[in-house]
C-alpha atoms as a PDB file:
ATOM      1  CA  MET A   1     -14.995 -87.677 117.066  1.00  0.00           C
ATOM      2  CA  ILE A   2     -12.945 -85.203 115.048  1.00  0.00           C
ATOM      3  CA  TYR A   3     -14.749 -83.957 111.945  1.00  0.00           C
ATOM      4  CA  GLU A   4     -13.252 -82.160 108.947  1.00  0.00           C
ATOM      5  CA  TYR A   5     -15.048 -79.206 107.367  1.00  0.00           C
ATOM      6  CA  ALA A   6     -14.381 -77.237 104.197  1.00  0.00           C
ATOM      7  CA  ILE A   7     -14.882 -73.481 104.612  1.00  0.00           C
ATOM      8  CA  GLU A   8     -15.343 -71.126 101.684  1.00  0.00           C
ATOM      9  CA  PRO A   9     -12.634 -68.442 102.078  1.00  0.00           C
ATOM     10  CA  GLU A  10     -15.047 -65.576 101.332  1.00  0.00           C
ATOM     11  CA  LEU A  11     -17.096 -66.663 104.344  1.00  0.00           C
ATOM     12  CA  LEU A  12     -14.378 -65.141 106.554  1.00  0.00           C
ATOM     13  CA  SER A  13     -14.283 -61.808 104.751  1.00  0.00           C
ATOM     14  CA  SER A  14     -14.930 -59.701 107.849  1.00  0.00           C
ATOM     15  CA  TRP A  15     -13.360 -59.692 111.305  1.00  0.00           C
ATOM     16  CA  ASN A  16     -16.721 -60.428 112.953  1.00  0.00           C
ATOM     17  CA  ASN A  17     -17.432 -63.369 110.644  1.00  0.00           C
ATOM     18  CA  PHE A  18     -13.897 -64.666 111.092  1.00  0.00           C
ATOM     19  CA  GLN A  19     -14.170 -64.683 114.890  1.00  0.00           C
ATOM     20  CA  ARG A  20     -17.661 -66.193 114.869  1.00  0.00           C
ATOM     21  CA  ILE A  21     -16.742 -69.061 112.509  1.00  0.00           C
ATOM     22  CA  ILE A  22     -13.238 -69.771 113.824  1.00  0.00           C
ATOM     23  CA  SER A  23     -14.542 -70.018 117.402  1.00  0.00           C
ATOM     24  CA  LEU A  24     -16.373 -73.212 116.408  1.00  0.00           C
ATOM     25  CA  PHE A  25     -13.156 -75.034 115.528  1.00  0.00           C
ATOM     26  CA  GLY A  26     -10.347 -76.804 117.286  1.00  0.00           C
ATOM     27  CA  LEU A  27      -9.440 -80.362 118.247  1.00  0.00           C
ATOM     28  CA  ALA A  28     -11.005 -79.946 121.667  1.00  0.00           C
ATOM     29  CA  LYS A  29     -14.279 -78.898 119.973  1.00  0.00           C
ATOM     30  CA  GLY A  30     -14.366 -81.853 117.614  1.00  0.00           C
ATOM     31  CA  ARG A  31     -14.093 -79.787 114.419  1.00  0.00           C
ATOM     32  CA  LEU A  32     -11.156 -79.018 112.139  1.00  0.00           C
ATOM     33  CA  ILE A  33     -10.866 -76.849 109.037  1.00  0.00           C
ATOM     34  CA  SER A  34      -9.654 -78.603 105.922  1.00  0.00           C
ATOM     35  CA  ARG A  35      -6.651 -76.975 104.259  1.00  0.00           C
ATOM     36  CA  PHE A  36      -8.524 -77.044 100.978  1.00  0.00           C
ATOM     37  CA  PRO A  37      -6.808 -76.072  98.844  1.00  0.00           C
ATOM     38  CA  LYS A  38      -3.216 -75.899 100.131  1.00  0.00           C
ATOM     39  CA  ARG A  39      -3.275 -72.122  99.712  1.00  0.00           C
ATOM     40  CA  TRP A  40      -6.543 -71.795 101.650  1.00  0.00           C
ATOM     41  CA  GLU A  41      -5.090 -69.232 104.069  1.00  0.00           C
ATOM     42  CA  LYS A  42      -3.954 -67.010 101.188  1.00  0.00           C
ATOM     43  CA  MET A  43      -7.425 -67.233  99.660  1.00  0.00           C
ATOM     44  CA  VAL A  44      -8.852 -65.984 102.970  1.00  0.00           C
ATOM     45  CA  TYR A  45      -6.407 -63.047 102.986  1.00  0.00           C
ATOM     46  CA  ASP A  46      -7.111 -62.269  99.336  1.00  0.00           C
ATOM     47  CA  SER A  47     -10.820 -61.900 100.050  1.00  0.00           C
ATOM     48  CA  TYR A  48      -9.822 -58.540 101.618  1.00  0.00           C
ATOM     49  CA  ALA A  49      -8.514 -55.493  99.813  1.00  0.00           C
ATOM     50  CA  SER A  50      -4.757 -54.966 100.163  1.00  0.00           C
ATOM     51  CA  GLY A  51      -3.944 -52.721 103.090  1.00  0.00           C
ATOM     52  CA  ASN A  52      -7.268 -53.449 104.775  1.00  0.00           C
ATOM     53  CA  THR A  53      -6.893 -53.248 108.571  1.00  0.00           C
ATOM     54  CA  GLU A  54      -9.138 -56.284 109.101  1.00  0.00           C
ATOM     55  CA  ARG A  55      -6.976 -58.293 106.698  1.00  0.00           C
ATOM     56  CA  SER A  56      -3.932 -57.601 108.884  1.00  0.00           C
ATOM     57  CA  ARG A  57      -5.799 -58.659 112.012  1.00  0.00           C
ATOM     58  CA  ILE A  58      -6.969 -61.884 110.386  1.00  0.00           C
ATOM     59  CA  GLU A  59      -3.488 -62.715 109.052  1.00  0.00           C
ATOM     60  CA  ILE A  60      -2.086 -62.408 112.572  1.00  0.00           C
ATOM     61  CA  ALA A  61      -4.925 -64.384 114.175  1.00  0.00           C
ATOM     62  CA  LEU A  62      -4.940 -67.179 111.598  1.00  0.00           C
ATOM     63  CA  LYS A  63      -1.166 -67.662 111.791  1.00  0.00           C
ATOM     64  CA  ARG A  64      -1.496 -67.909 115.563  1.00  0.00           C
ATOM     65  CA  VAL A  65      -4.077 -70.704 115.493  1.00  0.00           C
ATOM     66  CA  GLN A  66      -3.468 -72.494 112.181  1.00  0.00           C
ATOM     67  CA  ARG A  67      -1.549 -75.417 113.731  1.00  0.00           C
ATOM     68  CA  GLU A  68      -4.490 -76.164 116.004  1.00  0.00           C
ATOM     69  CA  LEU A  69      -7.249 -75.726 113.413  1.00  0.00           C
ATOM     70  CA  LEU A  70      -6.091 -76.629 109.910  1.00  0.00           C
ATOM     71  CA  LEU A  71      -6.057 -80.263 108.836  1.00  0.00           C
ATOM     72  CA  PRO A  72      -3.813 -81.177 105.879  1.00  0.00           C
ATOM     73  CA  ARG A  73      -5.555 -83.002 103.030  1.00  0.00           C
ATOM     74  CA  LYS A  74      -4.454 -84.753  99.857  1.00  0.00           C
ATOM     75  CA  HIS A  75      -6.873 -83.321  97.318  1.00  0.00           C
ATOM     76  CA  ASN A  76      -7.736 -82.617  93.711  1.00  0.00           C
ATOM     77  CA  TRP A  77      -8.114 -79.039  92.454  1.00  0.00           C
ATOM     78  CA  SER A  78      -9.061 -77.350  89.178  1.00  0.00           C
ATOM     79  CA  GLU A  79      -7.929 -73.770  88.596  1.00  0.00           C
ATOM     80  CA  ASN A  80     -10.753 -73.390  86.071  1.00  0.00           C
ATOM     81  CA  ASP A  81     -13.513 -73.867  88.669  1.00  0.00           C
ATOM     82  CA  PHE A  82     -14.784 -71.760  91.556  1.00  0.00           C
ATOM     83  CA  TRP A  83     -13.907 -72.816  95.102  1.00  0.00           C
ATOM     84  CA  ILE A  84     -17.427 -74.103  95.820  1.00  0.00           C
ATOM     85  CA  ASP A  85     -17.462 -76.255  92.682  1.00  0.00           C
ATOM     86  CA  ASN A  86     -14.070 -77.708  93.578  1.00  0.00           C
ATOM     87  CA  ALA A  87     -15.327 -78.408  97.101  1.00  0.00           C
ATOM     88  CA  LYS A  88     -18.366 -80.315  95.842  1.00  0.00           C
ATOM     89  CA  LEU A  89     -16.208 -82.455  93.570  1.00  0.00           C
ATOM     90  CA  GLU A  90     -13.751 -83.084  96.390  1.00  0.00           C
ATOM     91  CA  HIS A  91     -16.612 -84.055  98.694  1.00  0.00           C
ATOM     92  CA  ALA A  92     -17.717 -86.657  96.128  1.00  0.00           C
ATOM     93  CA  ARG A  93     -14.155 -88.037  96.030  1.00  0.00           C
ATOM     94  CA  SER A  94     -13.428 -87.937  99.773  1.00  0.00           C
ATOM     95  CA  PRO A  95     -16.280 -86.503 101.878  1.00  0.00           C
ATOM     96  CA  PHE A  96     -16.006 -83.631 104.317  1.00  0.00           C
ATOM     97  CA  LYS A  97     -18.394 -83.656 107.246  1.00  0.00           C
ATOM     98  CA  ALA A  98     -19.924 -80.572 105.608  1.00  0.00           C
ATOM     99  CA  ILE A  99     -19.074 -77.561 103.448  1.00  0.00           C
ATOM    100  CA  LEU A 100     -19.603 -74.141 105.033  1.00  0.00           C
ATOM    101  CA  ALA A 101     -20.372 -71.619 102.306  1.00  0.00           C
ATOM    102  CA  THR A 102     -21.722 -68.140 101.701  1.00  0.00           C
ATOM    103  CA  LYS A 103     -25.018 -69.670 100.567  1.00  0.00           C
ATOM    104  CA  ALA A 104     -26.743 -73.023 100.719  1.00  0.00           C
ATOM    105  CA  ASP A 105     -27.359 -75.249  97.718  1.00  0.00           C
ATOM    106  CA  PRO A 106     -30.748 -77.036  97.761  1.00  0.00           C
ATOM    107  CA  ALA A 107     -29.293 -79.810  95.600  1.00  0.00           C
ATOM    108  CA  PHE A 108     -26.535 -80.579  98.112  1.00  0.00           C
ATOM    109  CA  SER A 109     -27.610 -81.004 101.745  1.00  0.00           C
ATOM    110  CA  PHE A 110     -23.982 -81.007 102.933  1.00  0.00           C
ATOM    111  CA  VAL A 111     -23.507 -77.393 101.778  1.00  0.00           C
ATOM    112  CA  ILE A 112     -24.488 -75.132 104.681  1.00  0.00           C
ATOM    113  CA  ASP A 113     -25.168 -71.406 104.551  1.00  0.00           C
ATOM    114  CA  ALA A 114     -22.885 -70.257 107.366  1.00  0.00           C
ATOM    115  CA  THR A 115     -23.280 -66.499 106.949  1.00  0.00           C
ATOM    116  CA  ASP A 116     -25.513 -66.206 110.020  1.00  0.00           C
ATOM    117  CA  LEU A 117     -25.006 -69.305 112.143  1.00  0.00           C
ATOM    118  CA  ASP A 118     -26.741 -69.430 115.514  1.00  0.00           C
ATOM    119  CA  HIS A 119     -24.218 -71.028 117.879  1.00  0.00           C
ATOM    120  CA  THR A 120     -27.041 -72.067 120.207  1.00  0.00           C
ATOM    121  CA  ALA A 121     -28.834 -74.049 117.487  1.00  0.00           C
ATOM    122  CA  LEU A 122     -26.246 -75.390 115.092  1.00  0.00           C
ATOM    123  CA  PRO A 123     -27.271 -77.509 112.080  1.00  0.00           C
ATOM    124  CA  GLU A 124     -27.026 -81.257 112.644  1.00  0.00           C
ATOM    125  CA  LEU A 125     -23.893 -81.586 110.485  1.00  0.00           C
ATOM    126  CA  LEU A 126     -22.098 -79.056 112.684  1.00  0.00           C
ATOM    127  CA  LYS A 127     -22.871 -80.780 115.962  1.00  0.00           C
ATOM    128  CA  ALA A 128     -19.685 -82.169 117.498  1.00  0.00           C
ATOM    129  CA  GLY A 129     -17.928 -82.233 120.817  1.00  0.00           C
ATOM    130  CA  PRO A 130     -14.724 -82.900 122.719  1.00  0.00           C
ATOM    131  CA  SER A 131     -15.420 -86.581 123.436  1.00  0.00           C
ATOM    132  CA  LYS A 132     -16.083 -89.768 121.542  1.00  0.00           C
ATOM    133  CA  ILE A 133     -17.149 -93.289 122.462  1.00  0.00           C
ATOM    134  CA  VAL A 134     -15.090 -95.794 120.471  1.00  0.00           C
ATOM    135  CA  LEU A 135     -14.887 -99.551 120.290  1.00  0.00           C
ATOM    136  CA  ARG A 136     -11.825-100.876 122.058  1.00  0.00           C
ATOM    137  CA  THR A 137     -10.231-102.263 118.932  1.00  0.00           C
ATOM    138  CA  ALA A 138      -6.789-101.550 117.527  1.00  0.00           C
ATOM    139  CA  ASN A 139      -8.275-100.108 114.330  1.00  0.00           C
ATOM    140  CA  GLU A 140     -10.676 -97.738 116.131  1.00  0.00           C
ATOM    141  CA  ILE A 141      -7.914 -96.372 118.341  1.00  0.00           C
ATOM    142  CA  GLY A 142      -5.655 -95.809 115.323  1.00  0.00           C
ATOM    143  CA  LEU A 143      -8.402 -93.979 113.435  1.00  0.00           C
ATOM    144  CA  ALA A 144      -9.229 -91.787 116.441  1.00  0.00           C
ATOM    145  CA  VAL A 145      -5.666 -90.502 116.880  1.00  0.00           C
ATOM    146  CA  ARG A 146      -4.792 -89.954 113.207  1.00  0.00           C
ATOM    147  CA  PRO A 147      -6.171 -86.379 112.860  1.00  0.00           C
ATOM    148  CA  LEU A 148      -4.239 -85.379 115.968  1.00  0.00           C
ATOM    149  CA  PHE A 149      -1.022 -86.941 114.667  1.00  0.00           C
ATOM    150  CA  LEU A 150      -1.344 -85.181 111.302  1.00  0.00           C
ATOM    151  CA  MET A 151      -1.055 -81.875 113.154  1.00  0.00           C
ATOM    152  CA  SER A 152       1.671 -82.849 115.623  1.00  0.00           C
ATOM    153  CA  LYS A 153       5.415 -83.419 115.818  1.00  0.00           C
ATOM    154  CA  ARG A 154       5.815 -84.436 119.454  1.00  0.00           C
ATOM    155  CA  ILE A 155       3.855 -87.430 120.784  1.00  0.00           C
ATOM    156  CA  THR A 156       3.896 -88.853 124.307  1.00  0.00           C
ATOM    157  CA  ILE A 157       1.809 -91.935 125.078  1.00  0.00           C
ATOM    158  CA  VAL A 158       1.161 -92.474 128.790  1.00  0.00           C
ATOM    159  CA  GLU A 159       0.015 -96.022 129.536  1.00  0.00           C
ATOM    160  CA  PRO A 160       1.013 -97.323 132.988  1.00  0.00           C
ATOM    161  CA  ASN A 161      -0.214-100.851 132.250  1.00  0.00           C
ATOM    162  CA  PHE A 162       1.575-101.239 128.908  1.00  0.00           C
ATOM    163  CA  THR A 163       2.875-104.804 128.713  1.00  0.00           C
ATOM    164  CA  ILE A 164       5.366-105.470 125.930  1.00  0.00           C
ATOM    165  CA  ASN A 165       4.719-109.201 125.615  1.00  0.00           C
ATOM    166  CA  SER A 166       0.922-108.919 125.423  1.00  0.00           C
ATOM    167  CA  PRO A 167      -1.029-108.693 122.121  1.00  0.00           C
ATOM    168  CA  ARG A 168      -3.579-106.733 124.134  1.00  0.00           C
ATOM    169  CA  PHE A 169      -1.182-103.778 124.000  1.00  0.00           C
ATOM    170  CA  LEU A 170       0.979-104.617 121.006  1.00  0.00           C
ATOM    171  CA  GLU A 171      -1.924-104.647 118.540  1.00  0.00           C
ATOM    172  CA  PRO A 172      -3.146-101.104 119.433  1.00  0.00           C
ATOM    173  CA  TRP A 173       0.481 -99.935 119.531  1.00  0.00           C
ATOM    174  CA  ALA A 174       0.992-101.238 115.974  1.00  0.00           C
ATOM    175  CA  SER A 175      -2.182 -99.438 114.831  1.00  0.00           C
ATOM    176  CA  ILE A 176      -1.051 -96.196 116.483  1.00  0.00           C
ATOM    177  CA  MET A 177       2.344 -96.458 114.779  1.00  0.00           C
ATOM    178  CA  GLN A 178       0.622 -97.045 111.421  1.00  0.00           C
ATOM    179  CA  SER A 179      -1.260 -93.777 112.000  1.00  0.00           C
ATOM    180  CA  LEU A 180       2.036 -91.864 111.843  1.00  0.00           C
ATOM    181  CA  ARG A 181       1.583 -91.106 108.147  1.00  0.00           C
ATOM    182  CA  ASP A 182       1.335 -87.895 106.154  1.00  0.00           C
ATOM    183  CA  THR A 183      -1.549 -87.044 103.819  1.00  0.00           C
ATOM    184  CA  GLN A 184       0.220 -88.947 101.020  1.00  0.00           C
ATOM    185  CA  GLY A 185       0.215 -92.116 103.123  1.00  0.00           C
ATOM    186  CA  ASN A 186       3.974 -92.065 103.720  1.00  0.00           C
ATOM    187  CA  LEU A 187       5.333 -92.985 107.147  1.00  0.00           C
ATOM    188  CA  ARG A 188       6.709 -89.861 108.833  1.00  0.00           C
ATOM    189  CA  THR A 189      10.234 -89.575 110.206  1.00  0.00           C
ATOM    190  CA  ASP A 190      10.016 -86.071 111.709  1.00  0.00           C
ATOM    191  CA  LEU A 191       8.484 -87.107 115.022  1.00  0.00           C
ATOM    192  CA  SER A 192       9.552 -87.159 118.652  1.00  0.00           C
ATOM    193  CA  ILE A 193       7.849 -90.176 120.254  1.00  0.00           C
ATOM    194  CA  GLU A 194       7.811 -91.256 123.882  1.00  0.00           C
ATOM    195  CA  LEU A 195       6.097 -94.108 125.717  1.00  0.00           C
ATOM    196  CA  HIS A 196       5.698 -93.651 129.470  1.00  0.00           C
ATOM    197  CA  MET A 197       4.912 -96.963 131.177  1.00  0.00           C
ATOM    198  CA  GLY A 198       4.972 -98.462 134.630  1.00  0.00           C
ATOM    199  CA  ALA A 199       8.341 -99.644 135.930  1.00  0.00           C
ATOM    200  CA  ASP A 200       6.682-102.771 137.323  1.00  0.00           C
ATOM    201  CA  LYS A 201       5.866-103.872 133.768  1.00  0.00           C
ATOM    202  CA  LEU A 202       9.567-104.031 132.900  1.00  0.00           C
ATOM    203  CA  SER A 203      10.872-105.504 136.136  1.00  0.00           C
ATOM    204  CA  GLU A 204      10.331-109.083 134.958  1.00  0.00           C
ATOM    205  CA  PHE A 205      12.844-108.686 132.106  1.00  0.00           C
ATOM    206  CA  VAL A 206      16.535-109.327 132.751  1.00  0.00           C
ATOM    207  CA  ASN A 207      17.486-106.966 129.916  1.00  0.00           C
ATOM    208  CA  PRO A 208      14.676-104.427 129.336  1.00  0.00           C
ATOM    209  CA  GLN A 209      16.539-102.734 126.465  1.00  0.00           C
ATOM    210  CA  SER A 210      16.846-105.861 124.340  1.00  0.00           C
ATOM    211  CA  SER A 211      13.314-106.958 125.216  1.00  0.00           C
ATOM    212  CA  LEU A 212      11.866-103.601 124.167  1.00  0.00           C
ATOM    213  CA  GLU A 213      13.837-103.679 120.925  1.00  0.00           C
ATOM    214  CA  ALA A 214      12.615-107.179 120.130  1.00  0.00           C
ATOM    215  CA  LYS A 215       8.953-106.450 120.918  1.00  0.00           C
ATOM    216  CA  LEU A 216       8.526-102.831 119.757  1.00  0.00           C
ATOM    217  CA  GLY A 217      11.284-102.119 117.233  1.00  0.00           C
ATOM    218  CA  THR A 218       9.612-103.869 114.295  1.00  0.00           C
ATOM    219  CA  LEU A 219       6.361-101.970 114.994  1.00  0.00           C
ATOM    220  CA  VAL A 220       7.973 -98.503 114.942  1.00  0.00           C
ATOM    221  CA  PRO A 221       8.414 -96.830 111.523  1.00  0.00           C
ATOM    222  CA  ALA A 222      12.000 -96.937 110.259  1.00  0.00           C
ATOM    223  CA  GLY A 223      13.661 -93.548 110.702  1.00  0.00           C
ATOM    224  CA  ASN A 224      11.899 -92.924 114.012  1.00  0.00           C
ATOM    225  CA  ARG A 225      13.043 -93.530 117.555  1.00  0.00           C
ATOM    226  CA  VAL A 226      10.852 -94.136 120.579  1.00  0.00           C
ATOM    227  CA  THR A 227      12.059 -93.199 124.041  1.00  0.00           C
ATOM    228  CA  VAL A 228      10.506 -95.562 126.573  1.00  0.00           C
ATOM    229  CA  VAL A 229      10.375 -94.077 130.075  1.00  0.00           C
ATOM    230  CA  SER A 230       9.944 -96.381 133.051  1.00  0.00           C
ATOM    231  CA  LEU A 231       7.958 -94.655 135.818  1.00  0.00           C
ATOM    232  CA  PRO A 232       7.166 -95.755 139.384  1.00  0.00           C
ATOM    233  CA  LYS A 233       3.577 -96.919 139.744  1.00  0.00           C
ATOM    234  CA  GLU A 234       2.738 -94.146 142.224  1.00  0.00           C
ATOM    235  CA  ASP A 235       3.766 -91.473 139.670  1.00  0.00           C
ATOM    236  CA  VAL A 236       1.495 -92.519 136.828  1.00  0.00           C
ATOM    237  CA  HIS A 237      -2.172 -93.503 136.649  1.00  0.00           C
ATOM    238  CA  ASN A 238      -4.154 -91.609 134.014  1.00  0.00           C
ATOM    239  CA  ARG A 239      -3.862 -92.716 130.408  1.00  0.00           C
ATOM    240  CA  TYR A 240      -3.057 -90.022 127.852  1.00  0.00           C
ATOM    241  CA  ILE A 241      -1.936 -89.432 124.309  1.00  0.00           C
ATOM    242  CA  LEU A 242      -0.288 -86.001 124.505  1.00  0.00           C
ATOM    243  CA  THR A 243       1.099 -83.917 121.654  1.00  0.00           C
ATOM    244  CA  ASP A 244       2.415 -80.421 121.005  1.00  0.00           C
ATOM    245  CA  THR A 245      -0.963 -79.563 119.463  1.00  0.00           C
ATOM    246  CA  ALA A 246      -3.566 -81.121 121.772  1.00  0.00           C
ATOM    247  CA  GLY A 247      -4.210 -84.329 123.666  1.00  0.00           C
ATOM    248  CA  ILE A 248      -6.565 -87.213 124.405  1.00  0.00           C
ATOM    249  CA  GLN A 249      -7.440 -88.808 127.724  1.00  0.00           C
ATOM    250  CA  LEU A 250      -8.480 -92.450 127.513  1.00  0.00           C
ATOM    251  CA  GLY A 251     -10.689 -93.913 130.194  1.00  0.00           C
ATOM    252  CA  GLU A 252      -9.600 -97.529 129.793  1.00  0.00           C
ATOM    253  CA  GLY A 253      -6.238 -96.911 128.134  1.00  0.00           C
ATOM    254  CA  ILE A 254      -4.950 -98.219 124.810  1.00  0.00           C
ATOM    255  CA  GLY A 255      -5.204-101.870 125.870  1.00  0.00           C
ATOM    256  CA  LEU A 256      -7.815-104.171 124.334  1.00  0.00           C
ATOM    257  CA  PRO A 257     -10.486-105.765 126.561  1.00  0.00           C
ATOM    258  CA  ASP A 258      -9.488-108.698 128.742  1.00  0.00           C
ATOM    259  CA  SER A 259     -10.814-110.514 131.810  1.00  0.00           C
ATOM    260  CA  LEU A 260      -9.778-107.664 134.121  1.00  0.00           C
ATOM    261  CA  SER A 261     -11.128-104.889 131.887  1.00  0.00           C
ATOM    262  CA  ASN A 262     -13.846-106.364 129.707  1.00  0.00           C
ATOM    263  CA  ARG A 263     -15.634-103.221 128.545  1.00  0.00           C
ATOM    264  CA  THR A 264     -15.940-103.288 124.772  1.00  0.00           C
ATOM    265  CA  ASP A 265     -15.964 -99.505 124.372  1.00  0.00           C
ATOM    266  CA  ASP A 266     -14.133 -96.526 125.806  1.00  0.00           C
ATOM    267  CA  THR A 267     -14.591 -92.767 126.061  1.00  0.00           C
ATOM    268  CA  LEU A 268     -11.902 -90.577 124.538  1.00  0.00           C
ATOM    269  CA  CYS A 269     -11.837 -86.976 125.756  1.00  0.00           C
ATOM    270  CA  PHE A 270      -9.939 -84.412 123.718  1.00  0.00           C
ATOM    271  CA  MET A 271      -8.099 -81.636 125.498  1.00  0.00           C
ATOM    272  CA  ASP A 272      -6.864 -78.277 124.264  1.00  0.00           C
ATOM    273  CA  ARG A 273      -3.267 -77.297 123.643  1.00  0.00           C
ATOM    274  CA  ASP A 274      -2.787 -75.530 126.996  1.00  0.00           C
ATOM    275  CA  THR A 275      -3.901 -78.596 128.969  1.00  0.00           C
ATOM    276  CA  ALA A 276      -1.799 -80.954 126.843  1.00  0.00           C
ATOM    277  CA  THR A 277       1.234 -78.676 127.197  1.00  0.00           C
ATOM    278  CA  HIS A 278       0.804 -78.601 130.974  1.00  0.00           C
ATOM    279  CA  LEU A 279       0.626 -82.396 131.136  1.00  0.00           C
ATOM    280  CA  LEU A 280       3.631 -82.779 128.812  1.00  0.00           C
ATOM    281  CA  ALA A 281       5.653 -80.550 131.134  1.00  0.00           C
ATOM    282  CA  LYS A 282       4.497 -82.565 134.135  1.00  0.00           C
ATOM    283  CA  HIS A 283       5.547 -85.841 132.530  1.00  0.00           C
ATOM    284  CA  SER A 284       8.876 -84.364 131.483  1.00  0.00           C
ATOM    285  CA  GLN A 285       9.513 -83.609 135.158  1.00  0.00           C
ATOM    286  CA  LEU A 286       8.388 -87.089 136.205  1.00  0.00           C
ATOM    287  CA  SER A 287      10.688 -88.715 133.661  1.00  0.00           C
ATOM    288  CA  ALA A 288      13.772 -86.724 134.716  1.00  0.00           C
ATOM    289  CA  ASN A 289      16.445 -89.088 136.071  1.00  0.00           C
ATOM    290  CA  LYS A 290      14.187 -92.108 135.502  1.00  0.00           C
ATOM    291  CA  ALA A 291      15.284 -95.166 133.524  1.00  0.00           C
ATOM    292  CA  ASN A 292      14.710 -94.732 129.816  1.00  0.00           C
ATOM    293  CA  TYR A 293      15.424 -96.802 126.748  1.00  0.00           C
ATOM    294  CA  VAL A 294      15.706 -95.675 123.132  1.00  0.00           C
ATOM    295  CA  ILE A 295      14.145 -97.979 120.539  1.00  0.00           C
ATOM    296  CA  VAL A 296      15.142 -97.553 116.888  1.00  0.00           C
ATOM    297  CA  GLY A 297      12.281 -98.321 114.522  1.00  0.00           C
ATOM    298  CA  THR A 298      12.765-100.915 111.786  1.00  0.00           C
ATOM    299  CA  MET A 299       9.246-101.140 110.315  1.00  0.00           C
ATOM    300  CA  ARG A 300       9.183-100.574 106.556  1.00  0.00           C
ATOM    301  CA  PRO A 301       6.175 -99.315 104.564  1.00  0.00           C
END
C-alpha cells in the first residue's frame, strides 16, 4: 500500500534531519510526501537562512528526488493559519496517513513528533512496505496504481495473457484507464501508454488493428494513444506496470479470477526507479521490430 504523509517543513531544517526523514520515503518504501501546500518545497528552503550551506545542499537533494517522493494533492489552504493548523484541517477534509511535525499533539493521535524517530521502532502509523495484498477486483487494481500514475508520464503495462474480448481483462483495463486523472479529477492527455501482450492472444483476429480499436478505444481517455505491442510468448512472462518513476510487479497479473486462476487476492510488489527503468529498457528492446498497433482513445469524461 502507498500511504501519503504530510511533513511540517521546519522538521527538515537541518541536513541531518532532512536525510533521516527523507530516507523513509519513496514508492518502493510505501510512503510518499504530500505536496502540501503546493509551495511545500519552498517552505522547506525558507526554514533556512539565505546563503546557508545546508540550504543549498537540501535544494539540490530535494530537486533530485522530488519526482519520486512528492505526491500532488488538491487541497485547501489558509494564509492566516500556521502550517500545522492547516494540516489538521486538511486531514479532517481528506485524511493523510499521518502528519509528521516538530512536536506531537495529545489531542490528535495522527500528529507524530518526528524530531527523533527511531527507524528500528517506527510508530504504527509510519509502518509501511514495498508490497501490498489486494483483492483481485477492477476497483482495487485501479486504486493501487493511482498514486504511481499521478507521479508518472510514461506507462507500460506488461500482461502476456491480456485478452481483448474478455471482461476478465477489459474491466481492470477500464479501471486502470480511469486512474489516469490529475488531482482535479480531469483525465490526463500528457501520457505515453503502452500495452505489451502475447502475440498468441491476437492471432485469432483477422484484423488485429480494427479489433483492438473496437475493444480498447472506447476505454482509453480521449486525447491519449495506446501503443499495443505484440510479443512472442517466449519473450514475456512476468506481469508489470512500469513507469518513468517506479513500477509494480503483479503476481497474478491484471486479470480477474477465473477457473484457471481462481485466487481472490494478489500481491503487488513496488519497485524503485532504477529497477523500473531497467525493465522499461529491456521491454523497449524486446518490442523493437515487433508488430505494434496504435489505438486512439475516444473515452470522454
